[in-house]
C-alpha cells in the first residue's frame, strides 16, 4: 500500500490545512489506539467525528430551511436524515478517496477497513470537524455545501421520495396513459468525479432535467423536479373555492 498522499487528498477536498496534524487525526481509525493497548495515548478520529457530525447537521439544516420555505419540520427532518446517513456520507468519502488515506490497525486493514461503510462515513465526518477547527464555521459550511451541491442545485422539492421515477410514471399513466422517457443530456467532470445530466420527456415534451453522480441519480433528480412541476400545474388548474 502506497503512503497516503495528503496533498492530493486536500486538492480533491478543496481545502488545504494550516495544521496538518488535524487532518492526520481525522484520518486515523480508532483501531490504531486499541491496537496499542491501555495506557498508550494515540490520537484518533472519534472526537473529530462527533464535531463533524454537528457541523454537517447545522450546515445542511440551514440550507434545507432556506431552500424549502414551504416545508414543515417533518419533511425537513426526513430530508436531512437522508443526507447525513452512513451510506450517503460513505459515498462522499469514496469520491474523495478517503479510504486510501486512512491509518488503520493491522487487523482492521486485513478485515477490509478501507472499504467499510462505517469507517468511510466516520472519517468523512471527522474531516469536516477538522476543517472547522482549522478554519471557521463559515469555511466548513461552504465546503459542506460544495460537497452537497448536486442535492440542492435545480431542486424545488425535497428529495424524500423513495421512488420518484415510479411515482412520476404512475401519475403520467393515470393522466395520459403514457409513460415518460429519459435521455442522457451530458456527462462532465474528470473520470473520478463525473456529473451526469438527464432529461425526462413525455409526449414529445421535455418536463425537467436533473443531475447526479450517475445516470440513475440524474434520472431520479429529473423525476423529482418533474413531479413538482406537474403538481403545481394541477394546483393552477384546480377550480377556485368560492
C-alpha atoms as a PDB file:
ATOM      1  CA  UNK A   1       0.000   0.000   0.000  1.00  0.00           C
ATOM      2  CA  UNK A   2       1.441   3.385  -1.052  1.00  0.00           C
ATOM      3  CA  UNK A   3       1.864   6.085   1.564  1.00  0.00           C
ATOM      4  CA  UNK A   4      -1.124   8.424   1.858  1.00  0.00           C
ATOM      5  CA  UNK A   5      -0.932  11.418  -0.483  1.00  0.00           C
ATOM      6  CA  UNK A   6      -2.331  14.152   1.738  1.00  0.00           C
ATOM      7  CA  UNK A   7      -1.562  16.896  -0.791  1.00  0.00           C
ATOM      8  CA  UNK A   8      -3.686  15.195  -3.450  1.00  0.00           C
ATOM      9  CA  UNK A   9      -6.413  14.485  -0.906  1.00  0.00           C
ATOM     10  CA  UNK A  10      -6.536  18.153   0.130  1.00  0.00           C
ATOM     11  CA  UNK A  11      -6.706  19.171  -3.533  1.00  0.00           C
ATOM     12  CA  UNK A  12      -9.750  16.904  -4.050  1.00  0.00           C
ATOM     13  CA  UNK A  13     -11.284  18.227  -0.845  1.00  0.00           C
ATOM     14  CA  UNK A  14     -10.779  21.819  -1.943  1.00  0.00           C
ATOM     15  CA  UNK A  15      -9.210  22.813   1.364  1.00  0.00           C
ATOM     16  CA  UNK A  16      -5.549  22.903   2.488  1.00  0.00           C
ATOM     17  CA  UNK A  17      -4.913  22.613   6.214  1.00  0.00           C
ATOM     18  CA  UNK A  18      -2.822  25.063   8.179  1.00  0.00           C
ATOM     19  CA  UNK A  19      -2.433  22.429  10.919  1.00  0.00           C
ATOM     20  CA  UNK A  20      -1.826  19.126   9.147  1.00  0.00           C
ATOM     21  CA  UNK A  21      -1.974  17.180  12.417  1.00  0.00           C
ATOM     22  CA  UNK A  22      -5.732  17.783  12.463  1.00  0.00           C
ATOM     23  CA  UNK A  23      -6.140  16.120   9.078  1.00  0.00           C
ATOM     24  CA  UNK A  24      -3.909  13.206  10.109  1.00  0.00           C
ATOM     25  CA  UNK A  25      -6.002  12.730  13.251  1.00  0.00           C
ATOM     26  CA  UNK A  26      -9.219  12.816  11.207  1.00  0.00           C
ATOM     27  CA  UNK A  27      -7.844  10.014   9.052  1.00  0.00           C
ATOM     28  CA  UNK A  28      -6.699   7.833  11.967  1.00  0.00           C
ATOM     29  CA  UNK A  29      -9.072   4.953  12.741  1.00  0.00           C
ATOM     30  CA  UNK A  30      -9.757   4.194  16.449  1.00  0.00           C
ATOM     31  CA  UNK A  31      -8.426   0.674  15.924  1.00  0.00           C
ATOM     32  CA  UNK A  32      -4.898   2.138  15.922  1.00  0.00           C
ATOM     33  CA  UNK A  33      -5.325   3.223  19.547  1.00  0.00           C
ATOM     34  CA  UNK A  34      -6.926  -0.074  20.534  1.00  0.00           C
ATOM     35  CA  UNK A  35      -4.017  -1.982  18.983  1.00  0.00           C
ATOM     36  CA  UNK A  36      -1.542  -0.138  21.208  1.00  0.00           C
ATOM     37  CA  UNK A  37      -3.298  -1.316  24.344  1.00  0.00           C
ATOM     38  CA  UNK A  38      -4.286   0.522  27.554  1.00  0.00           C
ATOM     39  CA  UNK A  39      -2.175   3.399  28.801  1.00  0.00           C
ATOM     40  CA  UNK A  40      -0.922   4.414  25.347  1.00  0.00           C
ATOM     41  CA  UNK A  41      -2.445   7.672  24.091  1.00  0.00           C
ATOM     42  CA  UNK A  42      -2.831   7.583  20.310  1.00  0.00           C
ATOM     43  CA  UNK A  43      -4.953  10.434  18.863  1.00  0.00           C
ATOM     44  CA  UNK A  44      -7.707   9.153  16.563  1.00  0.00           C
ATOM     45  CA  UNK A  45     -10.794  10.497  14.843  1.00  0.00           C
ATOM     46  CA  UNK A  46     -13.715   9.724  17.178  1.00  0.00           C
ATOM     47  CA  UNK A  47     -13.858  13.167  18.799  1.00  0.00           C
ATOM     48  CA  UNK A  48     -13.489  14.895  15.435  1.00  0.00           C
ATOM     49  CA  UNK A  49     -16.259  12.662  14.078  1.00  0.00           C
ATOM     50  CA  UNK A  50     -18.538  13.904  16.870  1.00  0.00           C
ATOM     51  CA  UNK A  51     -17.718  17.506  15.979  1.00  0.00           C
ATOM     52  CA  UNK A  52     -18.024  16.987  12.223  1.00  0.00           C
ATOM     53  CA  UNK A  53     -21.454  15.433  12.616  1.00  0.00           C
ATOM     54  CA  UNK A  54     -22.651  18.669  14.253  1.00  0.00           C
ATOM     55  CA  UNK A  55     -21.063  20.810  11.518  1.00  0.00           C
ATOM     56  CA  UNK A  56     -22.768  18.774   8.790  1.00  0.00           C
ATOM     57  CA  UNK A  57     -26.119  18.814  10.585  1.00  0.00           C
ATOM     58  CA  UNK A  58     -26.097  22.583  11.095  1.00  0.00           C
ATOM     59  CA  UNK A  59     -24.878  23.459   7.590  1.00  0.00           C
ATOM     60  CA  UNK A  60     -27.369  21.175   5.851  1.00  0.00           C
ATOM     61  CA  UNK A  61     -30.252  22.073   8.174  1.00  0.00           C
ATOM     62  CA  UNK A  62     -29.785  25.770   7.441  1.00  0.00           C
ATOM     63  CA  UNK A  63     -29.652  25.139   3.689  1.00  0.00           C
ATOM     64  CA  UNK A  64     -32.780  22.978   3.749  1.00  0.00           C
ATOM     65  CA  UNK A  65     -34.577  25.603   5.854  1.00  0.00           C
ATOM     66  CA  UNK A  66     -33.729  28.366   3.383  1.00  0.00           C
ATOM     67  CA  UNK A  67     -34.160  26.328   0.195  1.00  0.00           C
ATOM     68  CA  UNK A  68     -37.553  24.847   1.073  1.00  0.00           C
ATOM     69  CA  UNK A  69     -39.547  27.507   2.995  1.00  0.00           C
ATOM     70  CA  UNK A  70     -42.926  25.829   2.448  1.00  0.00           C
ATOM     71  CA  UNK A  71     -41.998  22.553   4.176  1.00  0.00           C
ATOM     72  CA  UNK A  72     -42.526  21.795   7.853  1.00  0.00           C
ATOM     73  CA  UNK A  73     -40.332  20.129  10.435  1.00  0.00           C
ATOM     74  CA  UNK A  74     -41.260  16.553   9.500  1.00  0.00           C
ATOM     75  CA  UNK A  75     -40.234  16.606   5.815  1.00  0.00           C
ATOM     76  CA  UNK A  76     -37.157  18.711   6.580  1.00  0.00           C
ATOM     77  CA  UNK A  77     -36.043  16.251   9.253  1.00  0.00           C
ATOM     78  CA  UNK A  78     -36.504  13.284   6.905  1.00  0.00           C
ATOM     79  CA  UNK A  79     -34.556  15.032   4.152  1.00  0.00           C
ATOM     80  CA  UNK A  80     -31.694  15.857   6.497  1.00  0.00           C
ATOM     81  CA  UNK A  81     -31.585  12.277   7.787  1.00  0.00           C
ATOM     82  CA  UNK A  82     -31.168  11.007   4.239  1.00  0.00           C
ATOM     83  CA  UNK A  83     -28.350  13.490   3.592  1.00  0.00           C
ATOM     84  CA  UNK A  84     -26.319  12.533   6.664  1.00  0.00           C
ATOM     85  CA  UNK A  85     -26.922   8.786   6.884  1.00  0.00           C
ATOM     86  CA  UNK A  86     -23.940   6.452   6.881  1.00  0.00           C
ATOM     87  CA  UNK A  87     -24.388   5.316   3.288  1.00  0.00           C
ATOM     88  CA  UNK A  88     -24.554   8.849   1.886  1.00  0.00           C
ATOM     89  CA  UNK A  89     -21.540  10.050   3.869  1.00  0.00           C
ATOM     90  CA  UNK A  90     -19.559   6.958   2.869  1.00  0.00           C
ATOM     91  CA  UNK A  91     -20.281   7.744  -0.796  1.00  0.00           C
ATOM     92  CA  UNK A  92     -18.921  11.261  -0.297  1.00  0.00           C
ATOM     93  CA  UNK A  93     -15.864   9.739   1.358  1.00  0.00           C
ATOM     94  CA  UNK A  94     -15.325   7.362  -1.550  1.00  0.00           C
ATOM     95  CA  UNK A  95     -15.426  10.198  -4.061  1.00  0.00           C
ATOM     96  CA  UNK A  96     -12.631  11.894  -2.120  1.00  0.00           C
ATOM     97  CA  UNK A  97     -10.631   8.650  -1.940  1.00  0.00           C
ATOM     98  CA  UNK A  98     -10.739   8.817   1.838  1.00  0.00           C
ATOM     99  CA  UNK A  99     -10.283   5.057   2.270  1.00  0.00           C
ATOM    100  CA  UNK A 100      -6.836   5.204   0.686  1.00  0.00           C
ATOM    101  CA  UNK A 101      -5.776   7.842   3.216  1.00  0.00           C
ATOM    102  CA  UNK A 102      -6.869   6.062   6.404  1.00  0.00           C
ATOM    103  CA  UNK A 103      -4.375   4.984   9.031  1.00  0.00           C
ATOM    104  CA  UNK A 104      -5.603   1.605  10.298  1.00  0.00           C
ATOM    105  CA  UNK A 105      -4.515  -1.112  12.682  1.00  0.00           C
ATOM    106  CA  UNK A 106      -3.146  -4.277  11.095  1.00  0.00           C
ATOM    107  CA  UNK A 107      -6.308  -6.184  11.970  1.00  0.00           C
ATOM    108  CA  UNK A 108      -8.582  -3.511  10.521  1.00  0.00           C
ATOM    109  CA  UNK A 109      -6.511  -3.416   7.350  1.00  0.00           C
ATOM    110  CA  UNK A 110      -6.756  -7.181   6.896  1.00  0.00           C
ATOM    111  CA  UNK A 111     -10.515  -7.202   7.510  1.00  0.00           C
ATOM    112  CA  UNK A 112     -11.213  -4.613   4.787  1.00  0.00           C
ATOM    113  CA  UNK A 113     -11.487  -1.475   6.871  1.00  0.00           C
ATOM    114  CA  UNK A 114     -10.590   0.801   3.978  1.00  0.00           C
ATOM    115  CA  UNK A 115     -13.823  -0.117   2.199  1.00  0.00           C
ATOM    116  CA  UNK A 116     -16.071  -0.451   5.261  1.00  0.00           C
ATOM    117  CA  UNK A 117     -19.027   1.938   5.072  1.00  0.00           C
ATOM    118  CA  UNK A 118     -18.893   2.945   8.728  1.00  0.00           C
ATOM    119  CA  UNK A 119     -15.165   3.722   8.548  1.00  0.00           C
ATOM    120  CA  UNK A 120     -15.584   5.888   5.457  1.00  0.00           C
ATOM    121  CA  UNK A 121     -18.581   7.752   6.884  1.00  0.00           C
ATOM    122  CA  UNK A 122     -16.900   8.331  10.253  1.00  0.00           C
ATOM    123  CA  UNK A 123     -13.704   9.598   8.623  1.00  0.00           C
ATOM    124  CA  UNK A 124     -15.697  11.925   6.359  1.00  0.00           C
ATOM    125  CA  UNK A 125     -17.415  13.463   9.389  1.00  0.00           C
ATOM    126  CA  UNK A 126     -14.065  13.732  11.152  1.00  0.00           C
ATOM    127  CA  UNK A 127     -12.531  15.590   8.202  1.00  0.00           C
ATOM    128  CA  UNK A 128     -15.377  18.120   8.317  1.00  0.00           C
ATOM    129  CA  UNK A 129     -14.753  18.565  12.030  1.00  0.00           C
ATOM    130  CA  UNK A 130     -11.051  19.057  11.366  1.00  0.00           C
ATOM    131  CA  UNK A 131     -11.767  21.718   8.726  1.00  0.00           C
ATOM    132  CA  UNK A 132     -13.963  23.539  11.246  1.00  0.00           C
ATOM    133  CA  UNK A 133     -11.211  23.567  13.882  1.00  0.00           C
ATOM    134  CA  UNK A 134      -8.536  24.545  11.352  1.00  0.00           C
ATOM    135  CA  UNK A 135     -10.516  27.479   9.956  1.00  0.00           C
ATOM    136  CA  UNK A 136     -14.037  28.627  10.880  1.00  0.00           C
ATOM    137  CA  UNK A 137     -17.642  27.504  10.745  1.00  0.00           C
ATOM    138  CA  UNK A 138     -18.198  29.616   7.617  1.00  0.00           C
ATOM    139  CA  UNK A 139     -15.355  27.879   5.785  1.00  0.00           C
ATOM    140  CA  UNK A 140     -16.551  24.437   6.873  1.00  0.00           C
ATOM    141  CA  UNK A 141     -20.135  25.300   5.907  1.00  0.00           C
ATOM    142  CA  UNK A 142     -19.074  26.431   2.434  1.00  0.00           C
ATOM    143  CA  UNK A 143     -17.149  23.182   1.981  1.00  0.00           C
ATOM    144  CA  UNK A 144     -20.152  21.112   3.071  1.00  0.00           C
ATOM    145  CA  UNK A 145     -22.431  22.963   0.644  1.00  0.00           C
ATOM    146  CA  UNK A 146     -19.977  22.418  -2.210  1.00  0.00           C
ATOM    147  CA  UNK A 147     -19.898  18.720  -1.378  1.00  0.00           C
ATOM    148  CA  UNK A 148     -23.700  18.521  -1.381  1.00  0.00           C
ATOM    149  CA  UNK A 149     -24.324  20.991  -4.213  1.00  0.00           C
ATOM    150  CA  UNK A 150     -25.782  18.307  -6.512  1.00  0.00           C
ATOM    151  CA  UNK A 151     -28.620  17.785  -3.997  1.00  0.00           C
ATOM    152  CA  UNK A 152     -29.652  21.431  -3.919  1.00  0.00           C
ATOM    153  CA  UNK A 153     -28.951  22.646  -7.468  1.00  0.00           C
ATOM    154  CA  UNK A 154     -32.116  22.926  -9.523  1.00  0.00           C
ATOM    155  CA  UNK A 155     -34.397  21.234  -6.999  1.00  0.00           C
ATOM    156  CA  UNK A 156     -37.583  22.906  -5.815  1.00  0.00           C
ATOM    157  CA  UNK A 157     -38.907  19.920  -3.905  1.00  0.00           C
ATOM    158  CA  UNK A 158     -37.368  17.939  -1.070  1.00  0.00           C
ATOM    159  CA  UNK A 159     -35.584  14.739  -2.199  1.00  0.00           C
ATOM    160  CA  UNK A 160     -37.537  12.496   0.173  1.00  0.00           C
ATOM    161  CA  UNK A 161     -39.458  10.416  -2.369  1.00  0.00           C
ATOM    162  CA  UNK A 162     -38.240   6.827  -2.239  1.00  0.00           C
ATOM    163  CA  UNK A 163     -39.078   6.059  -5.877  1.00  0.00           C
ATOM    164  CA  UNK A 164     -39.551   9.309  -7.844  1.00  0.00           C
ATOM    165  CA  UNK A 165     -39.343   7.613 -11.259  1.00  0.00           C
ATOM    166  CA  UNK A 166     -42.048   5.147 -10.282  1.00  0.00           C
ATOM    167  CA  UNK A 167     -44.275   7.869  -8.839  1.00  0.00           C
ATOM    168  CA  UNK A 168     -43.874  10.020 -11.968  1.00  0.00           C
ATOM    169  CA  UNK A 169     -44.706   7.074 -14.219  1.00  0.00           C
ATOM    170  CA  UNK A 170     -47.844   6.235 -12.215  1.00  0.00           C
ATOM    171  CA  UNK A 171     -49.002   9.853 -12.322  1.00  0.00           C
ATOM    172  CA  UNK A 172     -48.484  10.255 -16.069  1.00  0.00           C
ATOM    173  CA  UNK A 173     -50.036   6.917 -16.927  1.00  0.00           C
ATOM    174  CA  UNK A 174     -53.024   7.764 -14.767  1.00  0.00           C
ATOM    175  CA  UNK A 175     -53.478  11.123 -16.511  1.00  0.00           C
ATOM    176  CA  UNK A 176     -52.412  10.317 -20.070  1.00  0.00           C
ATOM    177  CA  UNK A 177     -51.930   6.533 -20.268  1.00  0.00           C
ATOM    178  CA  UNK A 178     -48.342   7.036 -21.429  1.00  0.00           C
ATOM    179  CA  UNK A 179     -45.079   6.540 -19.527  1.00  0.00           C
ATOM    180  CA  UNK A 180     -42.211   9.071 -19.537  1.00  0.00           C
ATOM    181  CA  UNK A 181     -38.821   8.504 -21.143  1.00  0.00           C
ATOM    182  CA  UNK A 182     -35.331   9.611 -20.098  1.00  0.00           C
ATOM    183  CA  UNK A 183     -32.347  10.874 -22.082  1.00  0.00           C
ATOM    184  CA  UNK A 184     -28.723  11.469 -21.111  1.00  0.00           C
ATOM    185  CA  UNK A 185     -28.016  15.140 -21.848  1.00  0.00           C
ATOM    186  CA  UNK A 186     -24.363  15.460 -20.860  1.00  0.00           C
ATOM    187  CA  UNK A 187     -21.508  13.993 -18.851  1.00  0.00           C
ATOM    188  CA  UNK A 188     -18.941  16.370 -17.355  1.00  0.00           C
ATOM    189  CA  UNK A 189     -16.036  16.294 -14.915  1.00  0.00           C
ATOM    190  CA  UNK A 190     -12.971  14.050 -14.509  1.00  0.00           C
ATOM    191  CA  UNK A 191     -13.256  10.259 -14.531  1.00  0.00           C
ATOM    192  CA  UNK A 192     -13.200  10.002 -10.732  1.00  0.00           C
ATOM    193  CA  UNK A 193     -15.919  12.651 -10.241  1.00  0.00           C
ATOM    194  CA  UNK A 194     -18.383  12.515 -13.135  1.00  0.00           C
ATOM    195  CA  UNK A 195     -21.567  14.604 -13.175  1.00  0.00           C
ATOM    196  CA  UNK A 196     -24.418  13.247 -15.305  1.00  0.00           C
ATOM    197  CA  UNK A 197     -27.330  15.372 -16.512  1.00  0.00           C
ATOM    198  CA  UNK A 198     -30.514  13.664 -17.699  1.00  0.00           C
ATOM    199  CA  UNK A 199     -33.828  14.948 -19.012  1.00  0.00           C
ATOM    200  CA  UNK A 200     -37.286  13.387 -18.682  1.00  0.00           C
ATOM    201  CA  UNK A 201     -39.741  13.613 -21.569  1.00  0.00           C
ATOM    202  CA  UNK A 202     -43.442  12.936 -22.062  1.00  0.00           C
ATOM    203  CA  UNK A 203     -45.446  13.107 -25.299  1.00  0.00           C
ATOM    204  CA  UNK A 204     -42.528  14.762 -27.073  1.00  0.00           C
ATOM    205  CA  UNK A 205     -42.084  17.478 -24.430  1.00  0.00           C
ATOM    206  CA  UNK A 206     -39.186  17.868 -22.020  1.00  0.00           C
ATOM    207  CA  UNK A 207     -40.583  18.018 -18.496  1.00  0.00           C
ATOM    208  CA  UNK A 208     -37.423  18.614 -16.458  1.00  0.00           C
ATOM    209  CA  UNK A 209     -33.715  17.991 -16.045  1.00  0.00           C
ATOM    210  CA  UNK A 210     -31.656  16.692 -13.146  1.00  0.00           C
ATOM    211  CA  UNK A 211     -28.036  15.899 -12.344  1.00  0.00           C
ATOM    212  CA  UNK A 212     -26.227  13.318 -10.241  1.00  0.00           C
ATOM    213  CA  UNK A 213     -23.103  11.214  -9.830  1.00  0.00           C
ATOM    214  CA  UNK A 214     -24.535   8.518 -12.130  1.00  0.00           C
ATOM    215  CA  UNK A 215     -27.397   8.147 -14.631  1.00  0.00           C
ATOM    216  CA  UNK A 216     -29.741   6.672 -12.035  1.00  0.00           C
ATOM    217  CA  UNK A 217     -29.274   9.622  -9.666  1.00  0.00           C
ATOM    218  CA  UNK A 218     -29.682  12.112 -12.522  1.00  0.00           C
ATOM    219  CA  UNK A 219     -32.889  10.461 -13.752  1.00  0.00           C
ATOM    220  CA  UNK A 220     -34.295  10.414 -10.214  1.00  0.00           C
ATOM    221  CA  UNK A 221     -33.446  14.106  -9.781  1.00  0.00           C
ATOM    222  CA  UNK A 222     -35.194  14.921 -13.069  1.00  0.00           C
ATOM    223  CA  UNK A 223     -38.249  12.910 -11.971  1.00  0.00           C
ATOM    224  CA  UNK A 224     -38.419  14.820  -8.668  1.00  0.00           C
ATOM    225  CA  UNK A 225     -38.403  18.197 -10.454  1.00  0.00           C
ATOM    226  CA  UNK A 226     -40.980  16.940 -12.991  1.00  0.00           C
ATOM    227  CA  UNK A 227     -43.267  15.771 -10.192  1.00  0.00           C
ATOM    228  CA  UNK A 228     -43.146  19.187  -8.547  1.00  0.00           C
ATOM    229  CA  UNK A 229     -43.937  20.934 -11.840  1.00  0.00           C
ATOM    230  CA  UNK A 230     -46.873  18.627 -12.523  1.00  0.00           C
ATOM    231  CA  UNK A 231     -48.242  19.117  -9.018  1.00  0.00           C
ATOM    232  CA  UNK A 232     -48.002  22.901  -9.443  1.00  0.00           C
ATOM    233  CA  UNK A 233     -49.872  22.699 -12.776  1.00  0.00           C
ATOM    234  CA  UNK A 234     -52.631  20.639 -11.181  1.00  0.00           C
ATOM    235  CA  UNK A 235     -52.979  23.255  -8.437  1.00  0.00           C
ATOM    236  CA  UNK A 236     -53.242  26.016 -11.043  1.00  0.00           C
ATOM    237  CA  UNK A 237     -55.953  24.123 -12.928  1.00  0.00           C
ATOM    238  CA  UNK A 238     -57.941  23.285  -9.816  1.00  0.00           C
ATOM    239  CA  UNK A 239     -61.227  25.263  -9.619  1.00  0.00           C
ATOM    240  CA  UNK A 240     -61.254  28.099  -7.115  1.00  0.00           C
ATOM    241  CA  UNK A 241     -63.336  27.573  -3.993  1.00  0.00           C
ATOM    242  CA  UNK A 242     -65.925  30.349  -3.669  1.00  0.00           C
END
